[in-house]
N, C-alpha and C. Protein backbone atom coordinates (compact mmCIF):
# COMPACT_ATOMS: atom_id res chain seq x y z
N MET A 1 88.69 -65.27 -9.45
CA MET A 1 87.99 -65.78 -8.26
C MET A 1 88.71 -65.25 -7.03
N THR A 2 87.94 -64.91 -6.00
CA THR A 2 88.53 -64.33 -4.80
C THR A 2 89.20 -65.41 -3.97
N SER A 3 90.07 -64.96 -3.06
CA SER A 3 90.76 -65.90 -2.19
C SER A 3 89.77 -66.64 -1.30
N SER A 4 88.70 -65.98 -0.89
CA SER A 4 87.71 -66.64 -0.04
C SER A 4 87.01 -67.77 -0.80
N ARG A 5 86.77 -67.56 -2.10
CA ARG A 5 86.17 -68.62 -2.90
C ARG A 5 87.12 -69.79 -3.10
N ASN A 6 88.40 -69.48 -3.33
CA ASN A 6 89.39 -70.56 -3.44
C ASN A 6 89.45 -71.34 -2.14
N ASP A 7 89.42 -70.65 -1.01
CA ASP A 7 89.47 -71.33 0.28
C ASP A 7 88.23 -72.19 0.50
N ALA A 8 87.08 -71.66 0.11
CA ALA A 8 85.83 -72.42 0.27
C ALA A 8 85.84 -73.67 -0.60
N LEU A 9 86.34 -73.54 -1.84
CA LEU A 9 86.41 -74.69 -2.74
C LEU A 9 87.38 -75.72 -2.22
N LEU A 10 88.52 -75.28 -1.75
CA LEU A 10 89.50 -76.20 -1.16
C LEU A 10 88.92 -76.96 0.03
N ALA A 11 88.19 -76.26 0.86
CA ALA A 11 87.59 -76.88 2.05
C ALA A 11 86.64 -78.00 1.63
N VAL A 12 85.87 -77.79 0.55
CA VAL A 12 84.96 -78.82 0.05
C VAL A 12 85.76 -80.00 -0.50
N LEU A 13 86.76 -79.73 -1.32
CA LEU A 13 87.52 -80.80 -1.96
C LEU A 13 88.32 -81.62 -0.97
N ARG A 14 88.62 -81.05 0.17
CA ARG A 14 89.39 -81.77 1.19
C ARG A 14 88.52 -82.67 2.07
N LEU A 15 87.21 -82.70 1.83
CA LEU A 15 86.34 -83.53 2.65
C LEU A 15 86.57 -85.01 2.43
N ALA A 16 87.06 -85.39 1.26
CA ALA A 16 87.35 -86.79 0.95
C ALA A 16 88.36 -86.86 -0.18
N PRO A 17 89.15 -87.93 -0.24
CA PRO A 17 90.18 -88.00 -1.26
C PRO A 17 89.66 -88.25 -2.68
N VAL A 18 88.42 -88.71 -2.78
CA VAL A 18 87.86 -89.04 -4.10
C VAL A 18 86.50 -88.37 -4.26
N ILE A 19 86.28 -87.74 -5.42
CA ILE A 19 84.98 -87.21 -5.77
C ILE A 19 84.36 -88.14 -6.81
N PRO A 20 83.27 -88.81 -6.50
CA PRO A 20 82.61 -89.63 -7.50
C PRO A 20 82.05 -88.74 -8.63
N VAL A 21 82.32 -89.10 -9.86
CA VAL A 21 81.78 -88.39 -11.02
C VAL A 21 80.60 -89.21 -11.52
N LEU A 22 79.40 -88.64 -11.37
CA LEU A 22 78.16 -89.39 -11.55
C LEU A 22 77.38 -88.90 -12.77
N THR A 23 77.02 -89.80 -13.64
CA THR A 23 76.12 -89.51 -14.74
C THR A 23 74.84 -90.26 -14.48
N ILE A 24 73.82 -89.55 -14.03
CA ILE A 24 72.58 -90.16 -13.55
C ILE A 24 71.53 -90.13 -14.67
N ASP A 25 71.12 -91.32 -15.09
CA ASP A 25 70.10 -91.44 -16.14
C ASP A 25 68.69 -91.59 -15.59
N ARG A 26 68.60 -92.17 -14.39
CA ARG A 26 67.31 -92.44 -13.77
C ARG A 26 67.16 -91.63 -12.50
N LEU A 27 66.15 -90.79 -12.45
CA LEU A 27 65.96 -89.92 -11.31
C LEU A 27 65.72 -90.70 -10.02
N ASP A 28 65.06 -91.87 -10.11
CA ASP A 28 64.76 -92.63 -8.92
C ASP A 28 66.03 -93.22 -8.28
N GLN A 29 67.14 -93.22 -8.99
CA GLN A 29 68.38 -93.73 -8.41
C GLN A 29 69.20 -92.65 -7.70
N ALA A 30 68.86 -91.38 -7.92
CA ALA A 30 69.70 -90.30 -7.41
C ALA A 30 69.89 -90.34 -5.90
N VAL A 31 68.81 -90.40 -5.16
CA VAL A 31 68.89 -90.34 -3.70
C VAL A 31 69.55 -91.59 -3.11
N PRO A 32 69.10 -92.82 -3.47
CA PRO A 32 69.78 -93.99 -2.92
C PRO A 32 71.27 -94.08 -3.30
N LEU A 33 71.62 -93.61 -4.50
CA LEU A 33 73.01 -93.60 -4.90
C LEU A 33 73.81 -92.66 -4.01
N ALA A 34 73.29 -91.45 -3.82
CA ALA A 34 73.98 -90.49 -2.96
C ALA A 34 74.09 -91.01 -1.52
N GLN A 35 73.03 -91.64 -1.03
CA GLN A 35 73.06 -92.18 0.32
C GLN A 35 74.13 -93.27 0.46
N ALA A 36 74.26 -94.10 -0.55
CA ALA A 36 75.25 -95.18 -0.53
C ALA A 36 76.66 -94.62 -0.51
N LEU A 37 76.92 -93.57 -1.31
CA LEU A 37 78.25 -92.96 -1.37
C LEU A 37 78.58 -92.26 -0.04
N VAL A 38 77.62 -91.53 0.48
CA VAL A 38 77.85 -90.82 1.74
C VAL A 38 78.07 -91.81 2.88
N ALA A 39 77.34 -92.93 2.87
CA ALA A 39 77.52 -93.95 3.89
C ALA A 39 78.93 -94.50 3.90
N GLY A 40 79.55 -94.53 2.72
CA GLY A 40 80.92 -95.01 2.62
C GLY A 40 81.96 -93.94 2.89
N GLY A 41 81.52 -92.71 3.10
CA GLY A 41 82.44 -91.63 3.45
C GLY A 41 82.71 -90.61 2.35
N LEU A 42 82.11 -90.82 1.17
CA LEU A 42 82.31 -89.88 0.06
C LEU A 42 81.16 -88.90 0.02
N ARG A 43 81.38 -87.72 0.60
CA ARG A 43 80.29 -86.74 0.74
C ARG A 43 80.20 -85.78 -0.44
N VAL A 44 81.29 -85.57 -1.14
CA VAL A 44 81.32 -84.60 -2.24
C VAL A 44 81.02 -85.32 -3.54
N LEU A 45 79.93 -84.96 -4.20
CA LEU A 45 79.45 -85.68 -5.38
C LEU A 45 79.36 -84.74 -6.57
N GLU A 46 79.94 -85.15 -7.69
CA GLU A 46 79.83 -84.37 -8.92
C GLU A 46 78.78 -84.99 -9.82
N ILE A 47 77.69 -84.29 -10.04
CA ILE A 47 76.62 -84.75 -10.93
C ILE A 47 76.84 -84.08 -12.29
N THR A 48 77.17 -84.87 -13.31
CA THR A 48 77.44 -84.28 -14.61
C THR A 48 76.14 -83.85 -15.28
N LEU A 49 76.21 -82.73 -15.99
CA LEU A 49 75.05 -82.21 -16.71
C LEU A 49 74.98 -82.84 -18.11
N ARG A 50 74.99 -84.16 -18.13
CA ARG A 50 74.98 -84.87 -19.41
C ARG A 50 73.66 -85.58 -19.67
N THR A 51 72.74 -85.53 -18.73
CA THR A 51 71.46 -86.21 -18.89
C THR A 51 70.32 -85.24 -18.65
N ASP A 52 69.14 -85.64 -19.10
CA ASP A 52 67.96 -84.79 -18.97
C ASP A 52 67.52 -84.62 -17.52
N VAL A 53 67.92 -85.56 -16.65
CA VAL A 53 67.47 -85.50 -15.25
C VAL A 53 68.52 -84.97 -14.31
N ALA A 54 69.64 -84.49 -14.83
CA ALA A 54 70.76 -84.09 -13.97
C ALA A 54 70.37 -83.02 -12.95
N LEU A 55 69.70 -81.96 -13.40
CA LEU A 55 69.34 -80.89 -12.51
C LEU A 55 68.33 -81.37 -11.46
N GLU A 56 67.38 -82.16 -11.87
CA GLU A 56 66.41 -82.72 -10.93
C GLU A 56 67.10 -83.65 -9.92
N ALA A 57 68.09 -84.40 -10.39
CA ALA A 57 68.83 -85.29 -9.50
C ALA A 57 69.57 -84.48 -8.43
N MET A 58 70.18 -83.37 -8.85
CA MET A 58 70.86 -82.51 -7.88
C MET A 58 69.90 -81.96 -6.84
N GLU A 59 68.74 -81.51 -7.31
CA GLU A 59 67.73 -80.98 -6.39
C GLU A 59 67.30 -82.05 -5.38
N ALA A 60 67.09 -83.27 -5.86
CA ALA A 60 66.65 -84.34 -4.98
C ALA A 60 67.70 -84.70 -3.95
N ILE A 61 68.95 -84.77 -4.38
CA ILE A 61 70.02 -85.09 -3.45
C ILE A 61 70.23 -83.97 -2.43
N ALA A 62 70.21 -82.75 -2.90
CA ALA A 62 70.38 -81.62 -1.98
C ALA A 62 69.25 -81.60 -0.94
N ARG A 63 68.07 -82.03 -1.32
CA ARG A 63 66.91 -81.97 -0.43
C ARG A 63 66.89 -83.14 0.53
N HIS A 64 67.24 -84.34 0.05
CA HIS A 64 67.02 -85.56 0.82
C HIS A 64 68.28 -86.18 1.43
N VAL A 65 69.45 -85.70 1.01
CA VAL A 65 70.71 -86.24 1.55
C VAL A 65 71.52 -85.06 2.09
N PRO A 66 71.19 -84.59 3.28
CA PRO A 66 71.80 -83.36 3.79
C PRO A 66 73.30 -83.44 4.02
N ASP A 67 73.84 -84.63 4.20
CA ASP A 67 75.30 -84.75 4.41
C ASP A 67 76.08 -84.71 3.11
N ALA A 68 75.40 -84.75 1.99
CA ALA A 68 76.08 -84.69 0.69
C ALA A 68 76.35 -83.24 0.32
N VAL A 69 77.49 -83.03 -0.35
CA VAL A 69 77.82 -81.74 -0.93
C VAL A 69 77.80 -81.92 -2.44
N VAL A 70 76.82 -81.35 -3.08
CA VAL A 70 76.57 -81.62 -4.50
C VAL A 70 77.26 -80.58 -5.37
N GLY A 71 77.95 -81.05 -6.39
CA GLY A 71 78.55 -80.19 -7.39
C GLY A 71 78.01 -80.52 -8.76
N ALA A 72 78.02 -79.56 -9.64
CA ALA A 72 77.57 -79.77 -11.03
C ALA A 72 78.78 -79.93 -11.94
N GLY A 73 78.83 -81.06 -12.64
CA GLY A 73 79.95 -81.29 -13.56
C GLY A 73 79.54 -81.07 -15.02
N THR A 74 80.54 -81.05 -15.89
CA THR A 74 80.32 -80.80 -17.32
C THR A 74 79.59 -79.49 -17.55
N VAL A 75 79.96 -78.47 -16.77
CA VAL A 75 79.39 -77.15 -16.98
C VAL A 75 80.12 -76.53 -18.18
N LEU A 76 79.35 -76.20 -19.22
CA LEU A 76 79.93 -75.74 -20.47
C LEU A 76 79.58 -74.32 -20.83
N THR A 77 78.46 -73.84 -20.35
CA THR A 77 77.97 -72.52 -20.78
C THR A 77 77.68 -71.62 -19.60
N ALA A 78 77.66 -70.32 -19.88
CA ALA A 78 77.37 -69.33 -18.84
C ALA A 78 75.99 -69.53 -18.25
N SER A 79 75.02 -69.93 -19.08
CA SER A 79 73.64 -70.10 -18.58
C SER A 79 73.53 -71.24 -17.56
N GLN A 80 74.43 -72.23 -17.66
CA GLN A 80 74.36 -73.36 -16.74
C GLN A 80 74.84 -73.00 -15.33
N VAL A 81 75.55 -71.90 -15.19
CA VAL A 81 76.07 -71.50 -13.89
C VAL A 81 74.94 -71.30 -12.89
N ASN A 82 73.99 -70.45 -13.22
CA ASN A 82 72.88 -70.18 -12.31
C ASN A 82 71.88 -71.32 -12.26
N GLU A 83 71.73 -72.05 -13.38
CA GLU A 83 70.83 -73.21 -13.39
C GLU A 83 71.30 -74.24 -12.38
N ALA A 84 72.59 -74.52 -12.39
CA ALA A 84 73.13 -75.51 -11.47
C ALA A 84 73.06 -75.04 -10.02
N ALA A 85 73.39 -73.78 -9.79
CA ALA A 85 73.34 -73.25 -8.45
C ALA A 85 71.91 -73.28 -7.90
N SER A 86 70.94 -72.96 -8.77
CA SER A 86 69.54 -72.98 -8.34
C SER A 86 69.06 -74.41 -8.03
N ALA A 87 69.72 -75.40 -8.64
CA ALA A 87 69.35 -76.80 -8.38
C ALA A 87 70.03 -77.35 -7.15
N GLY A 88 70.86 -76.54 -6.48
CA GLY A 88 71.48 -76.98 -5.24
C GLY A 88 72.95 -77.24 -5.32
N ALA A 89 73.58 -76.96 -6.45
CA ALA A 89 75.03 -77.19 -6.59
C ALA A 89 75.79 -76.23 -5.70
N ALA A 90 76.73 -76.76 -4.93
CA ALA A 90 77.57 -75.95 -4.07
C ALA A 90 78.85 -75.52 -4.77
N PHE A 91 79.16 -76.17 -5.91
CA PHE A 91 80.31 -75.81 -6.73
C PHE A 91 80.08 -76.33 -8.13
N LEU A 92 80.87 -75.79 -9.08
CA LEU A 92 80.75 -76.14 -10.48
C LEU A 92 82.06 -76.73 -10.97
N VAL A 93 81.99 -77.66 -11.93
CA VAL A 93 83.18 -78.27 -12.52
C VAL A 93 83.04 -78.23 -14.03
N SER A 94 84.10 -77.77 -14.71
CA SER A 94 84.07 -77.72 -16.17
C SER A 94 85.22 -78.55 -16.73
N PRO A 95 85.02 -79.18 -17.90
CA PRO A 95 86.10 -79.98 -18.50
C PRO A 95 87.23 -79.11 -19.03
N GLY A 96 86.90 -77.90 -19.42
CA GLY A 96 87.87 -76.90 -19.85
C GLY A 96 87.33 -75.57 -19.37
N ALA A 97 87.96 -74.48 -19.76
CA ALA A 97 87.48 -73.20 -19.28
C ALA A 97 87.68 -72.12 -20.35
N THR A 98 86.63 -71.36 -20.59
CA THR A 98 86.72 -70.22 -21.47
C THR A 98 86.61 -68.95 -20.61
N THR A 99 87.04 -67.84 -21.18
CA THR A 99 86.94 -66.59 -20.44
C THR A 99 85.49 -66.29 -20.09
N ARG A 100 84.59 -66.51 -21.03
CA ARG A 100 83.17 -66.22 -20.78
C ARG A 100 82.61 -67.06 -19.66
N LEU A 101 82.96 -68.34 -19.63
CA LEU A 101 82.48 -69.21 -18.57
C LEU A 101 83.05 -68.79 -17.23
N ALA A 102 84.36 -68.51 -17.21
CA ALA A 102 84.99 -68.10 -15.95
C ALA A 102 84.39 -66.80 -15.42
N GLU A 103 84.10 -65.87 -16.31
CA GLU A 103 83.50 -64.61 -15.88
C GLU A 103 82.08 -64.81 -15.36
N ALA A 104 81.33 -65.69 -16.00
CA ALA A 104 79.97 -65.97 -15.54
C ALA A 104 80.01 -66.63 -14.16
N ALA A 105 80.95 -67.53 -13.97
CA ALA A 105 81.07 -68.19 -12.67
C ALA A 105 81.49 -67.20 -11.59
N ALA A 106 82.37 -66.27 -11.95
CA ALA A 106 82.81 -65.27 -10.97
C ALA A 106 81.66 -64.38 -10.53
N ALA A 107 80.71 -64.16 -11.42
CA ALA A 107 79.54 -63.35 -11.08
C ALA A 107 78.43 -64.18 -10.45
N GLY A 108 78.58 -65.50 -10.46
CA GLY A 108 77.57 -66.38 -9.92
C GLY A 108 77.74 -66.64 -8.44
N PRO A 109 76.89 -67.44 -7.86
CA PRO A 109 76.85 -67.63 -6.40
C PRO A 109 77.79 -68.71 -5.84
N VAL A 110 78.33 -69.57 -6.72
CA VAL A 110 79.17 -70.67 -6.21
C VAL A 110 80.47 -70.75 -7.00
N PRO A 111 81.53 -71.32 -6.40
CA PRO A 111 82.83 -71.35 -7.06
C PRO A 111 82.92 -72.36 -8.19
N LEU A 112 83.84 -72.09 -9.10
CA LEU A 112 84.11 -72.96 -10.25
C LEU A 112 85.43 -73.67 -10.09
N LEU A 113 85.43 -74.97 -10.38
CA LEU A 113 86.66 -75.75 -10.50
C LEU A 113 86.91 -75.90 -12.00
N PRO A 114 87.73 -75.02 -12.60
CA PRO A 114 87.90 -75.02 -14.05
C PRO A 114 88.82 -76.13 -14.52
N GLY A 115 88.50 -76.71 -15.65
CA GLY A 115 89.34 -77.76 -16.21
C GLY A 115 90.51 -77.19 -17.01
N VAL A 116 91.69 -77.75 -16.81
CA VAL A 116 92.88 -77.37 -17.57
C VAL A 116 93.65 -78.64 -17.94
N ALA A 117 94.41 -78.56 -19.02
CA ALA A 117 95.20 -79.70 -19.45
C ALA A 117 96.65 -79.35 -19.70
N THR A 118 96.99 -78.04 -19.66
CA THR A 118 98.37 -77.62 -19.94
C THR A 118 98.78 -76.56 -18.94
N ALA A 119 100.10 -76.28 -18.93
CA ALA A 119 100.62 -75.23 -18.06
C ALA A 119 100.05 -73.88 -18.46
N GLY A 120 99.94 -73.64 -19.78
CA GLY A 120 99.40 -72.37 -20.25
C GLY A 120 97.96 -72.15 -19.81
N GLU A 121 97.14 -73.19 -19.90
CA GLU A 121 95.76 -73.07 -19.46
C GLU A 121 95.69 -72.84 -17.96
N ALA A 122 96.55 -73.49 -17.21
CA ALA A 122 96.57 -73.29 -15.76
C ALA A 122 97.00 -71.85 -15.42
N MET A 123 97.97 -71.33 -16.14
CA MET A 123 98.39 -69.95 -15.89
C MET A 123 97.29 -68.95 -16.24
N ALA A 124 96.54 -69.23 -17.31
CA ALA A 124 95.44 -68.35 -17.69
C ALA A 124 94.37 -68.32 -16.62
N MET A 125 94.04 -69.48 -16.07
CA MET A 125 93.03 -69.52 -15.01
C MET A 125 93.57 -68.87 -13.73
N ALA A 126 94.87 -69.03 -13.46
CA ALA A 126 95.46 -68.40 -12.28
C ALA A 126 95.39 -66.88 -12.39
N GLU A 127 95.56 -66.37 -13.60
CA GLU A 127 95.46 -64.91 -13.81
C GLU A 127 94.04 -64.40 -13.50
N MET A 128 93.05 -65.30 -13.62
CA MET A 128 91.66 -64.94 -13.33
C MET A 128 91.32 -65.24 -11.88
N GLY A 129 92.30 -65.62 -11.10
CA GLY A 129 92.08 -65.80 -9.66
C GLY A 129 91.82 -67.22 -9.22
N HIS A 130 91.90 -68.19 -10.14
CA HIS A 130 91.66 -69.59 -9.77
C HIS A 130 92.98 -70.25 -9.35
N HIS A 131 93.02 -70.73 -8.11
CA HIS A 131 94.21 -71.42 -7.63
C HIS A 131 93.96 -72.90 -7.40
N VAL A 132 92.72 -73.33 -7.65
CA VAL A 132 92.35 -74.73 -7.56
C VAL A 132 91.70 -75.13 -8.88
N MET A 133 92.19 -76.17 -9.55
CA MET A 133 91.73 -76.53 -10.87
C MET A 133 91.55 -78.03 -11.03
N LYS A 134 90.75 -78.37 -12.03
CA LYS A 134 90.61 -79.77 -12.43
C LYS A 134 91.64 -80.04 -13.53
N PHE A 135 92.42 -81.09 -13.37
CA PHE A 135 93.37 -81.51 -14.41
C PHE A 135 92.68 -82.59 -15.23
N PHE A 136 92.32 -82.26 -16.47
CA PHE A 136 91.51 -83.16 -17.29
C PHE A 136 91.88 -83.06 -18.76
N PRO A 137 91.88 -84.18 -19.49
CA PRO A 137 91.73 -85.56 -19.02
C PRO A 137 93.06 -86.07 -18.46
N ALA A 138 93.09 -86.41 -17.23
CA ALA A 138 94.34 -86.64 -16.49
C ALA A 138 95.27 -87.65 -17.17
N GLU A 139 94.78 -88.85 -17.42
CA GLU A 139 95.65 -89.88 -17.98
C GLU A 139 96.11 -89.53 -19.40
N PRO A 140 95.20 -89.21 -20.34
CA PRO A 140 95.65 -88.85 -21.69
C PRO A 140 96.53 -87.61 -21.72
N ALA A 141 96.35 -86.69 -20.76
CA ALA A 141 97.10 -85.43 -20.77
C ALA A 141 98.50 -85.55 -20.16
N GLY A 142 98.87 -86.71 -19.71
CA GLY A 142 100.23 -86.89 -19.19
C GLY A 142 100.31 -87.53 -17.80
N GLY A 143 99.18 -87.67 -17.15
CA GLY A 143 99.13 -88.40 -15.91
C GLY A 143 99.96 -87.85 -14.79
N VAL A 144 100.38 -88.74 -13.90
CA VAL A 144 101.14 -88.36 -12.71
C VAL A 144 102.44 -87.62 -13.06
N PRO A 145 103.23 -88.11 -14.04
CA PRO A 145 104.48 -87.41 -14.34
C PRO A 145 104.27 -85.97 -14.76
N TYR A 146 103.24 -85.73 -15.59
CA TYR A 146 103.00 -84.36 -16.07
C TYR A 146 102.56 -83.47 -14.92
N LEU A 147 101.63 -83.97 -14.11
CA LEU A 147 101.13 -83.16 -13.01
C LEU A 147 102.23 -82.89 -11.98
N LYS A 148 103.08 -83.87 -11.77
CA LYS A 148 104.22 -83.68 -10.86
C LYS A 148 105.13 -82.59 -11.38
N SER A 149 105.33 -82.54 -12.72
CA SER A 149 106.23 -81.57 -13.31
C SER A 149 105.70 -80.14 -13.20
N LEU A 150 104.39 -80.00 -13.03
CA LEU A 150 103.82 -78.67 -12.88
C LEU A 150 104.05 -78.09 -11.48
N GLY A 151 104.40 -78.95 -10.54
CA GLY A 151 104.53 -78.51 -9.17
C GLY A 151 105.63 -77.49 -8.94
N ALA A 152 106.76 -77.64 -9.64
CA ALA A 152 107.89 -76.72 -9.43
C ALA A 152 107.62 -75.32 -9.96
N PRO A 153 107.17 -75.19 -11.26
CA PRO A 153 106.94 -73.84 -11.77
C PRO A 153 105.65 -73.20 -11.30
N LEU A 154 104.69 -74.03 -10.86
CA LEU A 154 103.39 -73.51 -10.42
C LEU A 154 103.05 -74.01 -9.01
N PRO A 155 103.90 -73.70 -8.04
CA PRO A 155 103.73 -74.28 -6.71
C PRO A 155 102.51 -73.77 -5.95
N HIS A 156 101.92 -72.67 -6.43
CA HIS A 156 100.78 -72.09 -5.73
C HIS A 156 99.45 -72.69 -6.19
N LEU A 157 99.47 -73.60 -7.13
CA LEU A 157 98.25 -74.16 -7.68
C LEU A 157 97.99 -75.58 -7.16
N MET A 158 96.70 -75.88 -6.97
CA MET A 158 96.30 -77.23 -6.54
C MET A 158 95.38 -77.83 -7.60
N PHE A 159 95.37 -79.14 -7.70
CA PHE A 159 94.62 -79.79 -8.77
C PHE A 159 93.77 -80.95 -8.24
N CYS A 160 92.69 -81.17 -8.99
CA CYS A 160 91.86 -82.39 -8.82
C CYS A 160 91.89 -83.10 -10.16
N PRO A 161 92.79 -84.07 -10.32
CA PRO A 161 92.87 -84.79 -11.60
C PRO A 161 91.67 -85.73 -11.80
N THR A 162 91.14 -85.74 -13.01
CA THR A 162 90.00 -86.57 -13.36
C THR A 162 90.16 -87.02 -14.80
N GLY A 163 89.78 -88.26 -15.08
CA GLY A 163 89.84 -88.77 -16.45
C GLY A 163 90.76 -89.95 -16.58
N GLY A 164 90.21 -91.14 -16.64
CA GLY A 164 91.00 -92.34 -16.81
C GLY A 164 91.62 -92.85 -15.51
N ILE A 165 91.16 -92.33 -14.37
CA ILE A 165 91.73 -92.72 -13.07
C ILE A 165 90.87 -93.81 -12.45
N ASP A 166 91.54 -94.85 -11.95
CA ASP A 166 90.85 -95.90 -11.20
C ASP A 166 91.49 -96.01 -9.83
N ALA A 167 91.04 -96.98 -9.04
CA ALA A 167 91.53 -97.12 -7.68
C ALA A 167 93.05 -97.34 -7.63
N ALA A 168 93.58 -98.10 -8.59
CA ALA A 168 95.01 -98.38 -8.61
C ALA A 168 95.83 -97.13 -8.92
N LYS A 169 95.34 -96.31 -9.84
CA LYS A 169 96.08 -95.11 -10.24
C LYS A 169 95.87 -93.96 -9.26
N ALA A 170 94.73 -93.94 -8.58
CA ALA A 170 94.41 -92.81 -7.71
C ALA A 170 95.46 -92.58 -6.63
N LYS A 171 95.98 -93.65 -6.09
CA LYS A 171 96.94 -93.54 -4.98
C LYS A 171 98.19 -92.76 -5.39
N SER A 172 98.65 -92.97 -6.63
CA SER A 172 99.84 -92.25 -7.10
C SER A 172 99.55 -90.75 -7.24
N TYR A 173 98.37 -90.42 -7.73
CA TYR A 173 97.99 -89.00 -7.83
C TYR A 173 97.90 -88.38 -6.45
N LEU A 174 97.26 -89.07 -5.53
CA LEU A 174 97.03 -88.52 -4.20
C LEU A 174 98.32 -88.34 -3.41
N ALA A 175 99.41 -88.99 -3.86
CA ALA A 175 100.70 -88.82 -3.20
C ALA A 175 101.38 -87.52 -3.60
N LEU A 176 100.90 -86.85 -4.66
CA LEU A 176 101.51 -85.60 -5.12
C LEU A 176 101.10 -84.45 -4.21
N PRO A 177 102.01 -83.56 -3.87
CA PRO A 177 101.68 -82.44 -2.99
C PRO A 177 100.73 -81.43 -3.60
N ASN A 178 100.64 -81.39 -4.94
CA ASN A 178 99.74 -80.42 -5.57
C ASN A 178 98.39 -81.03 -5.95
N VAL A 179 98.07 -82.19 -5.40
CA VAL A 179 96.77 -82.83 -5.65
C VAL A 179 95.97 -82.81 -4.37
N VAL A 180 94.78 -82.21 -4.42
CA VAL A 180 93.92 -82.13 -3.25
C VAL A 180 92.98 -83.32 -3.17
N CYS A 181 92.57 -83.85 -4.32
CA CYS A 181 91.72 -85.02 -4.41
C CYS A 181 91.70 -85.48 -5.86
N VAL A 182 91.04 -86.60 -6.13
CA VAL A 182 90.89 -87.06 -7.50
C VAL A 182 89.41 -87.28 -7.78
N GLY A 183 89.06 -87.23 -9.07
CA GLY A 183 87.69 -87.55 -9.48
C GLY A 183 87.68 -88.84 -10.26
N GLY A 184 86.61 -89.63 -10.10
CA GLY A 184 86.53 -90.87 -10.83
C GLY A 184 85.15 -91.49 -10.72
N SER A 185 84.92 -92.47 -11.59
CA SER A 185 83.61 -93.14 -11.61
C SER A 185 83.71 -94.61 -11.21
N TRP A 186 84.90 -95.06 -10.80
CA TRP A 186 85.05 -96.49 -10.50
C TRP A 186 84.26 -96.90 -9.26
N VAL A 187 83.91 -95.95 -8.40
CA VAL A 187 83.16 -96.32 -7.20
C VAL A 187 81.68 -96.59 -7.50
N THR A 188 81.26 -96.29 -8.73
CA THR A 188 79.85 -96.57 -9.11
C THR A 188 79.84 -97.41 -10.39
N PRO A 189 80.27 -98.67 -10.31
CA PRO A 189 80.31 -99.51 -11.51
C PRO A 189 78.93 -99.71 -12.09
N GLY A 190 78.89 -99.83 -13.42
CA GLY A 190 77.62 -99.89 -14.15
C GLY A 190 76.68 -100.98 -13.66
N GLU A 191 77.22 -102.17 -13.40
CA GLU A 191 76.37 -103.28 -12.99
C GLU A 191 75.72 -103.01 -11.63
N ALA A 192 76.50 -102.42 -10.73
CA ALA A 192 75.94 -102.09 -9.41
C ALA A 192 74.84 -101.05 -9.53
N LEU A 193 75.02 -100.09 -10.44
CA LEU A 193 73.98 -99.08 -10.66
C LEU A 193 72.72 -99.71 -11.25
N ARG A 194 72.89 -100.54 -12.25
CA ARG A 194 71.75 -101.14 -12.93
C ARG A 194 70.92 -102.01 -11.97
N SER A 195 71.62 -102.70 -11.08
CA SER A 195 70.92 -103.62 -10.18
C SER A 195 70.55 -102.99 -8.84
N GLY A 196 70.96 -101.76 -8.63
CA GLY A 196 70.70 -101.12 -7.35
C GLY A 196 71.47 -101.74 -6.19
N ASP A 197 72.67 -102.19 -6.49
CA ASP A 197 73.52 -102.82 -5.48
C ASP A 197 74.23 -101.73 -4.69
N TRP A 198 73.51 -101.08 -3.80
CA TRP A 198 74.06 -99.95 -3.05
C TRP A 198 75.13 -100.40 -2.06
N ALA A 199 75.04 -101.63 -1.57
CA ALA A 199 76.05 -102.12 -0.61
C ALA A 199 77.43 -102.15 -1.26
N THR A 200 77.49 -102.58 -2.53
CA THR A 200 78.78 -102.61 -3.23
C THR A 200 79.34 -101.20 -3.39
N ILE A 201 78.48 -100.25 -3.72
CA ILE A 201 78.92 -98.87 -3.90
C ILE A 201 79.41 -98.29 -2.56
N THR A 202 78.72 -98.61 -1.48
CA THR A 202 79.20 -98.16 -0.17
C THR A 202 80.57 -98.77 0.17
N ARG A 203 80.73 -100.05 -0.15
CA ARG A 203 82.03 -100.70 0.12
C ARG A 203 83.14 -100.06 -0.70
N LEU A 204 82.90 -99.82 -1.99
CA LEU A 204 83.90 -99.18 -2.85
C LEU A 204 84.19 -97.75 -2.37
N SER A 205 83.20 -97.08 -1.87
CA SER A 205 83.39 -95.73 -1.35
C SER A 205 84.28 -95.75 -0.12
N ARG A 206 84.04 -96.73 0.74
CA ARG A 206 84.85 -96.84 1.96
C ARG A 206 86.30 -97.15 1.58
N ASP A 207 86.49 -98.01 0.59
CA ASP A 207 87.86 -98.30 0.13
C ASP A 207 88.52 -97.03 -0.43
N ALA A 208 87.74 -96.24 -1.16
CA ALA A 208 88.29 -95.03 -1.76
C ALA A 208 88.72 -94.03 -0.68
N CYS A 209 87.99 -93.99 0.41
CA CYS A 209 88.36 -93.08 1.49
C CYS A 209 89.69 -93.42 2.12
N ASN A 210 90.12 -94.65 1.98
CA ASN A 210 91.37 -95.11 2.58
C ASN A 210 92.56 -95.03 1.61
N LEU A 211 92.36 -94.43 0.45
CA LEU A 211 93.44 -94.40 -0.55
C LEU A 211 94.56 -93.44 -0.15
N ARG A 212 94.19 -92.40 0.56
CA ARG A 212 95.21 -91.45 0.99
C ARG A 212 95.72 -91.84 2.36
N ASP A 213 97.00 -92.08 2.47
CA ASP A 213 97.60 -92.50 3.74
C ASP A 213 97.61 -91.36 4.73
């Protein structure tokens, strides 16, 4: 990935300390959910490609919530790169990274935030030009102590840890110099989604924006 793409990705990730990781099952919830998150200050949204309506949800949010920056999560295959970009994704997120996926993303229109869990995987992605990565699954893979330990040998790399992180744990991650933001789903609790309690989601989003001192 080129330095300009790394810079563009960093600029997006720096818009807020938390990226909500969203698995949208109902298309009619996509726009009000995005509006609630943006109202609370969380503009960067990761829509996982785990449901049949994910691409349509991205299209709807990109069209109707102009202040939102939509990313596609759980990108697993080369074919999903252009599919997600065509649906309005401004960036891609993968749980892990293969050479084929990284090459497809490099040839595609938007940057990839590749998932890594070890120093070796991070070095492999760095060799392909990626200096910003997703650390996943953050808590099972070693959490704050592990990510902190990567800072000395890999000082040029930045991470967005995701996986098992809640509001209490997020603050410790955000205190690390090699963490640009964190990803999590705690700002969209299941009950609030089911009942359409957008006010609660806006409140939790506002709280998340204040996690970084």
